[in-house]
Amino acid sequence: MEIMEEKRPIVHGVDVDARTRCVHYYSEKDVIAIKFHCCGQYYACYFCHQQLAGHPSKKWPKAQWNERAILCGNCWNEMAIATYLDTVRCPNCDHLFNEGCSNHYHLYFEWKGEN
């Protein structure tokens, strides 16, 4: 019997490694990829999307933060946006996420009263 390899989402980006890090963000903690609301594709970061997607990004509306749109590049667990925003570690593998990512939430998610 052949063992099927686990199917992992494709993560787009510039020089993306096996843990979803890219040319823009590549520290040990930079291990998340985000599924963009506009196209439903995972990208390593906002800048990779800007460079490669061929269309403008759209932010996730708060009403859809229950969608699984965050991928841990350490264990490949997909989590809900709300779960990601409420933690500093992957709830599956306990890998620490980059706390500096919070400075970029406004690029991905409707934030602080936006419509």
PDB file of N, CA and C in Angstrom:
ATOM      1  N   MET A   1       0.832  -1.176   0.000  1.00  0.00           N
ATOM      2  CA  MET A   1       0.000   0.000   0.000  1.00  0.00           C
ATOM      3  C   MET A   1       0.878   1.241   0.000  1.00  0.00           C
ATOM      4  N   GLU A   2       0.587   2.169  -0.888  1.00  0.00           N
ATOM      5  CA  GLU A   2       1.355   3.407  -0.998  1.00  0.00           C
ATOM      6  C   GLU A   2       0.827   4.428  -0.003  1.00  0.00           C
ATOM      7  N   ILE A   3       1.732   5.068   0.704  1.00  0.00           N
ATOM      8  CA  ILE A   3       1.343   6.099   1.665  1.00  0.00           C
ATOM      9  C   ILE A   3       1.268   7.426   0.928  1.00  0.00           C
ATOM     10  N   MET A   4       0.117   8.078   1.041  1.00  0.00           N
ATOM     11  CA  MET A   4      -0.082   9.366   0.375  1.00  0.00           C
ATOM     12  C   MET A   4       0.604  10.463   1.179  1.00  0.00           C
ATOM     13  N   GLU A   5       1.349  11.299   0.491  1.00  0.00           N
ATOM     14  CA  GLU A   5       1.986  12.435   1.140  1.00  0.00           C
ATOM     15  C   GLU A   5       0.920  13.476   1.445  1.00  0.00           C
ATOM     16  N   GLU A   6       1.018  14.085   2.624  1.00  0.00           N
ATOM     17  CA  GLU A   6       0.062  15.114   3.017  1.00  0.00           C
ATOM     18  C   GLU A   6       0.103  16.258   2.006  1.00  0.00           C
ATOM     19  N   LYS A   7      -1.060  16.674   1.557  1.00  0.00           N
ATOM     20  CA  LYS A   7      -1.136  17.762   0.593  1.00  0.00           C
ATOM     21  C   LYS A   7      -1.034  19.090   1.332  1.00  0.00           C
ATOM     22  N   ARG A   8      -0.040  19.856   0.979  1.00  0.00           N
ATOM     23  CA  ARG A   8       0.169  21.152   1.598  1.00  0.00           C
ATOM     24  C   ARG A   8      -0.239  22.247   0.626  1.00  0.00           C
ATOM     25  N   PRO A   9      -0.769  23.338   1.155  1.00  0.00           N
ATOM     26  CA  PRO A   9      -1.115  24.453   0.277  1.00  0.00           C
ATOM     27  C   PRO A   9       0.129  25.022  -0.397  1.00  0.00           C
ATOM     28  N   ILE A  10      -0.038  25.543  -1.581  1.00  0.00           N
ATOM     29  CA  ILE A  10       1.053  26.231  -2.273  1.00  0.00           C
ATOM     30  C   ILE A  10       1.169  27.620  -1.668  1.00  0.00           C
ATOM     31  N   VAL A  11       2.392  28.016  -1.344  1.00  0.00           N
ATOM     32  CA  VAL A  11       2.644  29.355  -0.826  1.00  0.00           C
ATOM     33  C   VAL A  11       3.456  30.097  -1.879  1.00  0.00           C
ATOM     34  N   HIS A  12       2.861  31.152  -2.411  1.00  0.00           N
ATOM     35  CA  HIS A  12       3.509  31.967  -3.427  1.00  0.00           C
ATOM     36  C   HIS A  12       4.380  33.021  -2.764  1.00  0.00           C
ATOM     37  N   GLY A  13       5.416  33.432  -3.465  1.00  0.00           N
ATOM     38  CA  GLY A  13       6.269  34.488  -2.952  1.00  0.00           C
ATOM     39  C   GLY A  13       7.613  34.493  -3.648  1.00  0.00           C
ATOM     40  N   VAL A  14       8.450  35.410  -3.219  1.00  0.00           N
ATOM     41  CA  VAL A  14       9.784  35.569  -3.779  1.00  0.00           C
ATOM     42  C   VAL A  14      10.769  34.796  -2.914  1.00  0.00           C
ATOM     43  N   ASP A  15      11.385  33.780  -3.493  1.00  0.00           N
ATOM     44  CA  ASP A  15      12.356  32.932  -2.793  1.00  0.00           C
ATOM     45  C   ASP A  15      11.784  32.325  -1.507  1.00  0.00           C
ATOM     46  N   VAL A  16      10.598  31.733  -1.598  1.00  0.00           N
ATOM     47  CA  VAL A  16       9.940  31.128  -0.435  1.00  0.00           C
ATOM     48  C   VAL A  16      10.634  29.807  -0.104  1.00  0.00           C
ATOM     49  N   ASP A  17      10.942  29.635   1.182  1.00  0.00           N
ATOM     50  CA  ASP A  17      11.573  28.386   1.606  1.00  0.00           C
ATOM     51  C   ASP A  17      10.524  27.413   2.139  1.00  0.00           C
ATOM     52  N   ALA A  18      10.955  26.283   2.641  1.00  0.00           N
ATOM     53  CA  ALA A  18      10.063  25.219   3.090  1.00  0.00           C
ATOM     54  C   ALA A  18       9.248  25.595   4.326  1.00  0.00           C
ATOM     55  N   ARG A  19       9.584  26.702   4.957  1.00  0.00           N
ATOM     56  CA  ARG A  19       8.855  27.140   6.155  1.00  0.00           C
ATOM     57  C   ARG A  19       8.089  28.438   5.907  1.00  0.00           C
ATOM     58  N   THR A  20       7.872  28.775   4.662  1.00  0.00           N
ATOM     59  CA  THR A  20       7.089  29.918   4.173  1.00  0.00           C
ATOM     60  C   THR A  20       7.778  31.268   4.348  1.00  0.00           C
ATOM     61  N   ARG A  21       9.051  31.267   4.652  1.00  0.00           N
ATOM     62  CA  ARG A  21       9.785  32.535   4.743  1.00  0.00           C
ATOM     63  C   ARG A  21      10.149  32.984   3.342  1.00  0.00           C
ATOM     64  N   CYS A  22      10.267  34.299   3.154  1.00  0.00           N
ATOM     65  CA  CYS A  22      10.549  34.847   1.826  1.00  0.00           C
ATOM     66  C   CYS A  22      11.722  35.824   1.893  1.00  0.00           C
ATOM     67  N   VAL A  23      12.003  36.428   0.769  1.00  0.00           N
ATOM     68  CA  VAL A  23      13.099  37.388   0.691  1.00  0.00           C
ATOM     69  C   VAL A  23      12.844  38.611   1.587  1.00  0.00           C
ATOM     70  N   HIS A  24      11.585  38.920   1.856  1.00  0.00           N
ATOM     71  CA  HIS A  24      11.244  40.096   2.657  1.00  0.00           C
ATOM     72  C   HIS A  24      11.296  39.832   4.158  1.00  0.00           C
ATOM     73  N   TYR A  25      10.881  38.638   4.574  1.00  0.00           N
ATOM     74  CA  TYR A  25      10.825  38.272   5.994  1.00  0.00           C
ATOM     75  C   TYR A  25      11.358  36.856   6.152  1.00  0.00           C
ATOM     76  N   TYR A  26      12.448  36.711   6.885  1.00  0.00           N
ATOM     77  CA  TYR A  26      13.124  35.414   6.905  1.00  0.00           C
ATOM     78  C   TYR A  26      13.762  35.070   8.240  1.00  0.00           C
ATOM     79  N   SER A  27      13.252  35.649   9.330  1.00  0.00           N
ATOM     80  CA  SER A  27      13.794  35.265  10.637  1.00  0.00           C
ATOM     81  C   SER A  27      13.220  33.911  11.050  1.00  0.00           C
ATOM     82  N   GLU A  28      13.719  33.364  12.125  1.00  0.00           N
ATOM     83  CA  GLU A  28      13.241  32.083  12.646  1.00  0.00           C
ATOM     84  C   GLU A  28      11.750  32.141  12.990  1.00  0.00           C
ATOM     85  N   LYS A  29      11.252  33.339  13.344  1.00  0.00           N
ATOM     86  CA  LYS A  29       9.854  33.509  13.734  1.00  0.00           C
ATOM     87  C   LYS A  29       8.930  33.830  12.554  1.00  0.00           C
ATOM     88  N   ASP A  30       9.469  34.123  11.394  1.00  0.00           N
ATOM     89  CA  ASP A  30       8.655  34.499  10.233  1.00  0.00           C
ATOM     90  C   ASP A  30       8.172  33.259   9.495  1.00  0.00           C
ATOM     91  N   VAL A  31       7.234  32.551  10.125  1.00  0.00           N
ATOM     92  CA  VAL A  31       6.796  31.267   9.580  1.00  0.00           C
ATOM     93  C   VAL A  31       5.302  31.209   9.294  1.00  0.00           C
ATOM     94  N   ILE A  32       4.682  32.351   9.040  1.00  0.00           N
ATOM     95  CA  ILE A  32       3.276  32.278   8.666  1.00  0.00           C
ATOM     96  C   ILE A  32       3.100  32.762   7.238  1.00  0.00           C
ATOM     97  N   ALA A  33       2.133  32.184   6.570  1.00  0.00           N
ATOM     98  CA  ALA A  33       1.696  32.659   5.253  1.00  0.00           C
ATOM     99  C   ALA A  33       0.227  33.014   5.398  1.00  0.00           C
ATOM    100  N   ILE A  34      -0.215  33.938   4.567  1.00  0.00           N
ATOM    101  CA  ILE A  34      -1.591  34.417   4.648  1.00  0.00           C
ATOM    102  C   ILE A  34      -2.310  34.169   3.332  1.00  0.00           C
ATOM    103  N   LYS A  35      -3.507  33.583   3.444  1.00  0.00           N
ATOM    104  CA  LYS A  35      -4.362  33.413   2.273  1.00  0.00           C
ATOM    105  C   LYS A  35      -5.039  34.761   2.034  1.00  0.00           C
ATOM    106  N   PHE A  36      -4.829  35.324   0.863  1.00  0.00           N
ATOM    107  CA  PHE A  36      -5.371  36.647   0.586  1.00  0.00           C
ATOM    108  C   PHE A  36      -6.848  36.566   0.219  1.00  0.00           C
ATOM    109  N   HIS A  37      -7.611  37.486   0.780  1.00  0.00           N
ATOM    110  CA  HIS A  37      -9.056  37.527   0.575  1.00  0.00           C
ATOM    111  C   HIS A  37      -9.408  37.724  -0.899  1.00  0.00           C
ATOM    112  N   CYS A  38      -8.600  38.471  -1.619  1.00  0.00           N
ATOM    113  CA  CYS A  38      -8.888  38.800  -3.016  1.00  0.00           C
ATOM    114  C   CYS A  38      -8.798  37.600  -3.951  1.00  0.00           C
ATOM    115  N   CYS A  39      -7.907  36.675  -3.692  1.00  0.00           N
ATOM    116  CA  CYS A  39      -7.657  35.593  -4.657  1.00  0.00           C
ATOM    117  C   CYS A  39      -7.694  34.195  -4.053  1.00  0.00           C
ATOM    118  N   GLY A  40      -7.754  34.101  -2.730  1.00  0.00           N
ATOM    119  CA  GLY A  40      -7.798  32.788  -2.098  1.00  0.00           C
ATOM    120  C   GLY A  40      -6.489  32.018  -2.191  1.00  0.00           C
ATOM    121  N   GLN A  41      -5.395  32.712  -2.460  1.00  0.00           N
ATOM    122  CA  GLN A  41      -4.078  32.086  -2.582  1.00  0.00           C
ATOM    123  C   GLN A  41      -3.206  32.487  -1.399  1.00  0.00           C
ATOM    124  N   TYR A  42      -2.404  31.543  -0.932  1.00  0.00           N
ATOM    125  CA  TYR A  42      -1.446  31.848   0.123  1.00  0.00           C
ATOM    126  C   TYR A  42      -0.233  32.562  -0.463  1.00  0.00           C
ATOM    127  N   TYR A  43       0.198  33.613   0.237  1.00  0.00           N
ATOM    128  CA  TYR A  43       1.433  34.321  -0.086  1.00  0.00           C
ATOM    129  C   TYR A  43       2.250  34.428   1.192  1.00  0.00           C
ATOM    130  N   ALA A  44       3.562  34.471   1.028  1.00  0.00           N
ATOM    131  CA  ALA A  44       4.450  34.576   2.179  1.00  0.00           C
ATOM    132  C   ALA A  44       4.285  35.907   2.900  1.00  0.00           C
ATOM    133  N   CYS A  45       3.977  36.972   2.151  1.00  0.00           N
ATOM    134  CA  CYS A  45       3.778  38.281   2.765  1.00  0.00           C
ATOM    135  C   CYS A  45       3.074  39.221   1.789  1.00  0.00           C
ATOM    136  N   TYR A  46       2.718  40.369   2.295  1.00  0.00           N
ATOM    137  CA  TYR A  46       2.037  41.404   1.516  1.00  0.00           C
ATOM    138  C   TYR A  46       2.882  41.833   0.318  1.00  0.00           C
ATOM    139  N   PHE A  47       4.176  41.997   0.525  1.00  0.00           N
ATOM    140  CA  PHE A  47       5.051  42.469  -0.548  1.00  0.00           C
ATOM    141  C   PHE A  47       5.187  41.430  -1.662  1.00  0.00           C
ATOM    142  N   CYS A  48       5.206  40.161  -1.292  1.00  0.00           N
ATOM    143  CA  CYS A  48       5.219  39.102  -2.306  1.00  0.00           C
ATOM    144  C   CYS A  48       3.937  39.155  -3.138  1.00  0.00           C
ATOM    145  N   HIS A  49       2.809  39.373  -2.477  1.00  0.00           N
ATOM    146  CA  HIS A  49       1.535  39.493  -3.195  1.00  0.00           C
ATOM    147  C   HIS A  49       1.590  40.679  -4.147  1.00  0.00           C
ATOM    148  N   GLN A  50       2.085  41.804  -3.679  1.00  0.00           N
ATOM    149  CA  GLN A  50       2.191  42.999  -4.520  1.00  0.00           C
ATOM    150  C   GLN A  50       3.032  42.726  -5.763  1.00  0.00           C
ATOM    151  N   GLN A  51       4.128  42.015  -5.596  1.00  0.00           N
ATOM    152  CA  GLN A  51       5.048  41.747  -6.697  1.00  0.00           C
ATOM    153  C   GLN A  51       4.522  40.723  -7.691  1.00  0.00           C
ATOM    154  N   LEU A  52       3.777  39.724  -7.209  1.00  0.00           N
ATOM    155  CA  LEU A  52       3.476  38.573  -8.054  1.00  0.00           C
ATOM    156  C   LEU A  52       2.014  38.369  -8.441  1.00  0.00           C
ATOM    157  N   ALA A  53       1.075  38.887  -7.680  1.00  0.00           N
ATOM    158  CA  ALA A  53      -0.331  38.526  -7.880  1.00  0.00           C
ATOM    159  C   ALA A  53      -0.952  39.125  -9.139  1.00  0.00           C
ATOM    160  N   GLY A  54      -0.533  40.306  -9.526  1.00  0.00           N
ATOM    161  CA  GLY A  54      -1.114  40.939 -10.707  1.00  0.00           C
ATOM    162  C   GLY A  54      -2.454  41.616 -10.446  1.00  0.00           C
ATOM    163  N   HIS A  55      -2.814  41.797  -9.184  1.00  0.00           N
ATOM    164  CA  HIS A  55      -4.049  42.495  -8.823  1.00  0.00           C
ATOM    165  C   HIS A  55      -3.862  43.092  -7.430  1.00  0.00           C
ATOM    166  N   PRO A  56      -4.672  44.108  -7.095  1.00  0.00           N
ATOM    167  CA  PRO A  56      -4.563  44.695  -5.757  1.00  0.00           C
ATOM    168  C   PRO A  56      -5.078  43.738  -4.690  1.00  0.00           C
ATOM    169  N   SER A  57      -4.532  43.852  -3.514  1.00  0.00           N
ATOM    170  CA  SER A  57      -4.984  43.005  -2.410  1.00  0.00           C
ATOM    171  C   SER A  57      -6.271  43.561  -1.820  1.00  0.00           C
ATOM    172  N   LYS A  58      -7.035  42.668  -1.199  1.00  0.00           N
ATOM    173  CA  LYS A  58      -8.241  43.050  -0.462  1.00  0.00           C
ATOM    174  C   LYS A  58      -8.099  42.506   0.945  1.00  0.00           C
ATOM    175  N   LYS A  59      -8.527  43.330   1.907  1.00  0.00           N
ATOM    176  CA  LYS A  59      -8.428  42.932   3.311  1.00  0.00           C
ATOM    177  C   LYS A  59      -9.567  42.003   3.693  1.00  0.00           C
ATOM    178  N   TRP A  60      -9.265  41.120   4.654  1.00  0.00           N
ATOM    179  CA  TRP A  60     -10.297  40.236   5.195  1.00  0.00           C
ATOM    180  C   TRP A  60     -11.246  41.052   6.058  1.00  0.00           C
ATOM    181  N   PRO A  61     -12.554  41.028   5.748  1.00  0.00           N
ATOM    182  CA  PRO A  61     -13.519  41.720   6.615  1.00  0.00           C
ATOM    183  C   PRO A  61     -13.616  41.010   7.963  1.00  0.00           C
ATOM    184  N   LYS A  62     -13.838  41.791   8.995  1.00  0.00           N
ATOM    185  CA  LYS A  62     -13.897  41.228  10.344  1.00  0.00           C
ATOM    186  C   LYS A  62     -14.943  40.121  10.454  1.00  0.00           C
ATOM    187  N   ALA A  63     -16.027  40.230   9.722  1.00  0.00           N
ATOM    188  CA  ALA A  63     -17.084  39.220   9.755  1.00  0.00           C
ATOM    189  C   ALA A  63     -16.606  37.859   9.243  1.00  0.00           C
ATOM    190  N   GLN A  64     -15.445  37.817   8.575  1.00  0.00           N
ATOM    191  CA  GLN A  64     -14.923  36.563   8.036  1.00  0.00           C
ATOM    192  C   GLN A  64     -13.639  36.104   8.733  1.00  0.00           C
ATOM    193  N   TRP A  65     -13.358  36.632   9.897  1.00  0.00           N
ATOM    194  CA  TRP A  65     -12.142  36.248  10.614  1.00  0.00           C
ATOM    195  C   TRP A  65     -12.197  34.828  11.158  1.00  0.00           C
ATOM    196  N   ASN A  66     -13.303  34.134  10.964  1.00  0.00           N
ATOM    197  CA  ASN A  66     -13.367  32.722  11.347  1.00  0.00           C
ATOM    198  C   ASN A  66     -12.840  31.822  10.229  1.00  0.00           C
ATOM    199  N   GLU A  67     -12.521  32.391   9.073  1.00  0.00           N
ATOM    200  CA  GLU A  67     -11.977  31.628   7.944  1.00  0.00           C
ATOM    201  C   GLU A  67     -10.551  31.165   8.248  1.00  0.00           C
ATOM    202  N   ARG A  68     -10.242  29.950   7.830  1.00  0.00           N
ATOM    203  CA  ARG A  68      -8.874  29.434   7.967  1.00  0.00           C
ATOM    204  C   ARG A  68      -8.038  30.049   6.851  1.00  0.00           C
ATOM    205  N   ALA A  69      -7.274  31.074   7.209  1.00  0.00           N
ATOM    206  CA  ALA A  69      -6.506  31.816   6.216  1.00  0.00           C
ATOM    207  C   ALA A  69      -5.079  32.088   6.654  1.00  0.00           C
ATOM    208  N   ILE A  70      -4.661  31.469   7.747  1.00  0.00           N
ATOM    209  CA  ILE A  70      -3.298  31.626   8.249  1.00  0.00           C
ATOM    210  C   ILE A  70      -2.654  30.248   8.288  1.00  0.00           C
ATOM    211  N   LEU A  71      -1.475  30.157   7.732  1.00  0.00           N
ATOM    212  CA  LEU A  71      -0.757  28.888   7.641  1.00  0.00           C
ATOM    213  C   LEU A  71       0.542  28.979   8.425  1.00  0.00           C
ATOM    214  N   CYS A  72       0.732  28.061   9.368  1.00  0.00           N
ATOM    215  CA  CYS A  72       1.997  27.980  10.090  1.00  0.00           C
ATOM    216  C   CYS A  72       2.994  27.226   9.215  1.00  0.00           C
ATOM    217  N   GLY A  73       4.065  27.869   8.871  1.00  0.00           N
ATOM    218  CA  GLY A  73       5.091  27.247   8.035  1.00  0.00           C
ATOM    219  C   GLY A  73       5.957  26.251   8.788  1.00  0.00           C
ATOM    220  N   ASN A  74       5.817  26.197  10.096  1.00  0.00           N
ATOM    221  CA  ASN A  74       6.575  25.228  10.869  1.00  0.00           C
ATOM    222  C   ASN A  74       5.910  23.850  10.841  1.00  0.00           C
ATOM    223  N   CYS A  75       4.569  23.823  10.997  1.00  0.00           N
ATOM    224  CA  CYS A  75       3.862  22.536  11.032  1.00  0.00           C
ATOM    225  C   CYS A  75       2.778  22.409   9.949  1.00  0.00           C
ATOM    226  N   TRP A  76       2.527  23.458   9.198  1.00  0.00           N
ATOM    227  CA  TRP A  76       1.549  23.500   8.103  1.00  0.00           C
ATOM    228  C   TRP A  76       0.108  23.414   8.588  1.00  0.00           C
ATOM    229  N   ASN A  77      -0.118  23.832   9.814  1.00  0.00           N
ATOM    230  CA  ASN A  77      -1.466  23.925  10.361  1.00  0.00           C
ATOM    231  C   ASN A  77      -2.139  25.189   9.829  1.00  0.00           C
ATOM    232  N   GLU A  78      -3.367  25.033   9.335  1.00  0.00           N
ATOM    233  CA  GLU A  78      -4.153  26.185   8.926  1.00  0.00           C
ATOM    234  C   GLU A  78      -5.044  26.587  10.088  1.00  0.00           C
ATOM    235  N   MET A  79      -5.061  27.876  10.378  1.00  0.00           N
ATOM    236  CA  MET A  79      -5.866  28.361  11.502  1.00  0.00           C
ATOM    237  C   MET A  79      -6.722  29.537  11.072  1.00  0.00           C
ATOM    238  N   ALA A  80      -7.749  29.789  11.856  1.00  0.00           N
ATOM    239  CA  ALA A  80      -8.623  30.924  11.611  1.00  0.00           C
ATOM    240  C   ALA A  80      -7.868  32.222  11.888  1.00  0.00           C
ATOM    241  N   ILE A  81      -8.259  33.252  11.183  1.00  0.00           N
ATOM    242  CA  ILE A  81      -7.647  34.571  11.385  1.00  0.00           C
ATOM    243  C   ILE A  81      -7.794  34.985  12.842  1.00  0.00           C
ATOM    244  N   ALA A  82      -8.992  34.831  13.407  1.00  0.00           N
ATOM    245  CA  ALA A  82      -9.228  35.229  14.805  1.00  0.00           C
ATOM    246  C   ALA A  82      -8.301  34.491  15.763  1.00  0.00           C
ATOM    247  N   THR A  83      -8.051  33.226  15.510  1.00  0.00           N
ATOM    248  CA  THR A  83      -7.138  32.443  16.347  1.00  0.00           C
ATOM    249  C   THR A  83      -5.737  33.023  16.270  1.00  0.00           C
ATOM    250  N   TYR A  84      -5.281  33.305  15.052  1.00  0.00           N
ATOM    251  CA  TYR A  84      -3.953  33.878  14.857  1.00  0.00           C
ATOM    252  C   TYR A  84      -3.814  35.227  15.560  1.00  0.00           C
ATOM    253  N   LEU A  85      -4.815  36.077  15.427  1.00  0.00           N
ATOM    254  CA  LEU A  85      -4.747  37.414  16.021  1.00  0.00           C
ATOM    255  C   LEU A  85      -4.755  37.379  17.538  1.00  0.00           C
ATOM    256  N   ASP A  86      -5.175  36.253  18.096  1.00  0.00           N
ATOM    257  CA  ASP A  86      -5.299  36.129  19.547  1.00  0.00           C
ATOM    258  C   ASP A  86      -4.159  35.334  20.177  1.00  0.00           C
ATOM    259  N   THR A  87      -3.077  35.084  19.414  1.00  0.00           N
ATOM    260  CA  THR A  87      -1.997  34.259  19.956  1.00  0.00           C
ATOM    261  C   THR A  87      -0.638  34.780  19.497  1.00  0.00           C
ATOM    262  N   VAL A  88       0.403  34.313  20.133  1.00  0.00           N
ATOM    263  CA  VAL A  88       1.767  34.619  19.705  1.00  0.00           C
ATOM    264  C   VAL A  88       2.505  33.353  19.282  1.00  0.00           C
ATOM    265  N   ARG A  89       1.807  32.198  19.408  1.00  0.00           N
ATOM    266  CA  ARG A  89       2.383  30.903  19.071  1.00  0.00           C
ATOM    267  C   ARG A  89       1.374  30.081  18.275  1.00  0.00           C
ATOM    268  N   CYS A  90       1.880  29.164  17.491  1.00  0.00           N
ATOM    269  CA  CYS A  90       0.993  28.251  16.776  1.00  0.00           C
ATOM    270  C   CYS A  90       0.274  27.375  17.788  1.00  0.00           C
ATOM    271  N   PRO A  91      -1.047  27.301  17.706  1.00  0.00           N
ATOM    272  CA  PRO A  91      -1.781  26.448  18.644  1.00  0.00           C
ATOM    273  C   PRO A  91      -1.546  24.955  18.407  1.00  0.00           C
ATOM    274  N   ASN A  92      -0.965  24.602  17.282  1.00  0.00           N
ATOM    275  CA  ASN A  92      -0.708  23.194  16.970  1.00  0.00           C
ATOM    276  C   ASN A  92       0.696  22.753  17.397  1.00  0.00           C
ATOM    277  N   CYS A  93       1.717  23.530  17.049  1.00  0.00           N
ATOM    278  CA  CYS A  93       3.103  23.103  17.318  1.00  0.00           C
ATOM    279  C   CYS A  93       3.836  23.977  18.331  1.00  0.00           C
ATOM    280  N   ASP A  94       3.208  25.062  18.783  1.00  0.00           N
ATOM    281  CA  ASP A  94       3.761  25.965  19.790  1.00  0.00           C
ATOM    282  C   ASP A  94       4.947  26.800  19.292  1.00  0.00           C
ATOM    283  N   HIS A  95       5.157  26.851  17.975  1.00  0.00           N
ATOM    284  CA  HIS A  95       6.238  27.678  17.432  1.00  0.00           C
ATOM    285  C   HIS A  95       5.890  29.150  17.621  1.00  0.00           C
ATOM    286  N   LEU A  96       6.850  29.931  18.068  1.00  0.00           N
ATOM    287  CA  LEU A  96       6.662  31.355  18.308  1.00  0.00           C
ATOM    288  C   LEU A  96       6.570  32.113  16.986  1.00  0.00           C
ATOM    289  N   PHE A  97       5.556  32.981  16.865  1.00  0.00           N
ATOM    290  CA  PHE A  97       5.406  33.836  15.695  1.00  0.00           C
ATOM    291  C   PHE A  97       6.101  35.167  15.938  1.00  0.00           C
ATOM    292  N   ASN A  98       6.406  35.864  14.859  1.00  0.00           N
ATOM    293  CA  ASN A  98       7.060  37.168  14.937  1.00  0.00           C
ATOM    294  C   ASN A  98       6.082  38.209  15.481  1.00  0.00           C
ATOM    295  N   GLU A  99       6.385  38.735  16.658  1.00  0.00           N
ATOM    296  CA  GLU A  99       5.511  39.731  17.279  1.00  0.00           C
ATOM    297  C   GLU A  99       5.422  41.015  16.450  1.00  0.00           C
ATOM    298  N   GLY A 100       6.411  41.266  15.611  1.00  0.00           N
ATOM    299  CA  GLY A 100       6.402  42.442  14.743  1.00  0.00           C
ATOM    300  C   GLY A 100       5.343  42.384  13.649  1.00  0.00           C
ATOM    301  N   CYS A 101       4.804  41.199  13.384  1.00  0.00           N
ATOM    302  CA  CYS A 101       3.758  41.069  12.361  1.00  0.00           C
ATOM    303  C   CYS A 101       2.531  41.905  12.700  1.00  0.00           C
ATOM    304  N   SER A 102       2.315  42.157  13.983  1.00  0.00           N
ATOM    305  CA  SER A 102       1.148  42.952  14.379  1.00  0.00           C
ATOM    306  C   SER A 102       1.194  44.357  13.785  1.00  0.00           C
ATOM    307  N   ASN A 103       2.363  44.830  13.443  1.00  0.00           N
ATOM    308  CA  ASN A 103       2.493  46.146  12.802  1.00  0.00           C
ATOM    309  C   ASN A 103       1.920  46.157  11.396  1.00  0.00           C
ATOM    310  N   HIS A 104       1.657  44.976  10.827  1.00  0.00           N
ATOM    311  CA  HIS A 104       1.179  44.870   9.446  1.00  0.00           C
ATOM    312  C   HIS A 104      -0.247  44.342   9.335  1.00  0.00           C
ATOM    313  N   TYR A 105      -0.920  44.135  10.448  1.00  0.00           N
ATOM    314  CA  TYR A 105      -2.285  43.599  10.406  1.00  0.00           C
ATOM    315  C   TYR A 105      -3.185  44.446   9.514  1.00  0.00           C
ATOM    316  N   HIS A 106      -2.983  45.765   9.538  1.00  0.00           N
ATOM    317  CA  HIS A 106      -3.833  46.661   8.747  1.00  0.00           C
ATOM    318  C   HIS A 106      -3.709  46.421   7.235  1.00  0.00           C
ATOM    319  N   LEU A 107      -2.673  45.727   6.804  1.00  0.00           N
ATOM    320  CA  LEU A 107      -2.505  45.411   5.383  1.00  0.00           C
ATOM    321  C   LEU A 107      -3.341  44.214   4.961  1.00  0.00           C
ATOM    322  N   TYR A 108      -3.677  43.348   5.913  1.00  0.00           N
ATOM    323  CA  TYR A 108      -4.355  42.089   5.625  1.00  0.00           C
ATOM    324  C   TYR A 108      -5.813  42.037   6.087  1.00  0.00           C
ATOM    325  N   PHE A 109      -6.096  42.748   7.174  1.00  0.00           N
ATOM    326  CA  PHE A 109      -7.383  42.617   7.846  1.00  0.00           C
ATOM    327  C   PHE A 109      -8.019  43.990   8.047  1.00  0.00           C
ATOM    328  N   GLU A 110      -9.360  44.060   7.896  1.00  0.00           N
ATOM    329  CA  GLU A 110     -10.054  45.297   8.251  1.00  0.00           C
ATOM    330  C   GLU A 110      -9.737  45.553   9.720  1.00  0.00           C
ATOM    331  N   TRP A 111      -9.297  46.732  10.007  1.00  0.00           N
ATOM    332  CA  TRP A 111      -8.736  46.977  11.326  1.00  0.00           C
ATOM    333  C   TRP A 111      -9.242  48.276  11.916  1.00  0.00           C
ATOM    334  N   LYS A 112      -9.503  48.262  13.169  1.00  0.00           N
ATOM    335  CA  LYS A 112      -9.827  49.456  13.960  1.00  0.00           C
ATOM    336  C   LYS A 112     -10.873  50.343  13.293  1.00  0.00           C
ATOM    337  N   GLY A 113     -12.061  49.792  13.082  1.00  0.00           N
ATOM    338  CA  GLY A 113     -13.180  50.582  12.585  1.00  0.00           C
ATOM    339  C   GLY A 113     -13.269  50.759  11.078  1.00  0.00           C
ATOM    340  N   GLU A 114     -12.359  50.118  10.321  1.00  0.00           N
ATOM    341  CA  GLU A 114     -12.463  50.195   8.854  1.00  0.00           C
ATOM    342  C   GLU A 114     -13.703  49.447   8.378  1.00  0.00           C
ATOM    343  N   ASN A 115     -14.213  49.844   7.246  1.00  0.00           N
ATOM    344  CA  ASN A 115     -15.327  49.123   6.622  1.00  0.00           C
ATOM    345  C   ASN A 115     -14.883  48.452   5.357  1.00  0.00           C
TER     346      ASN A 115
END
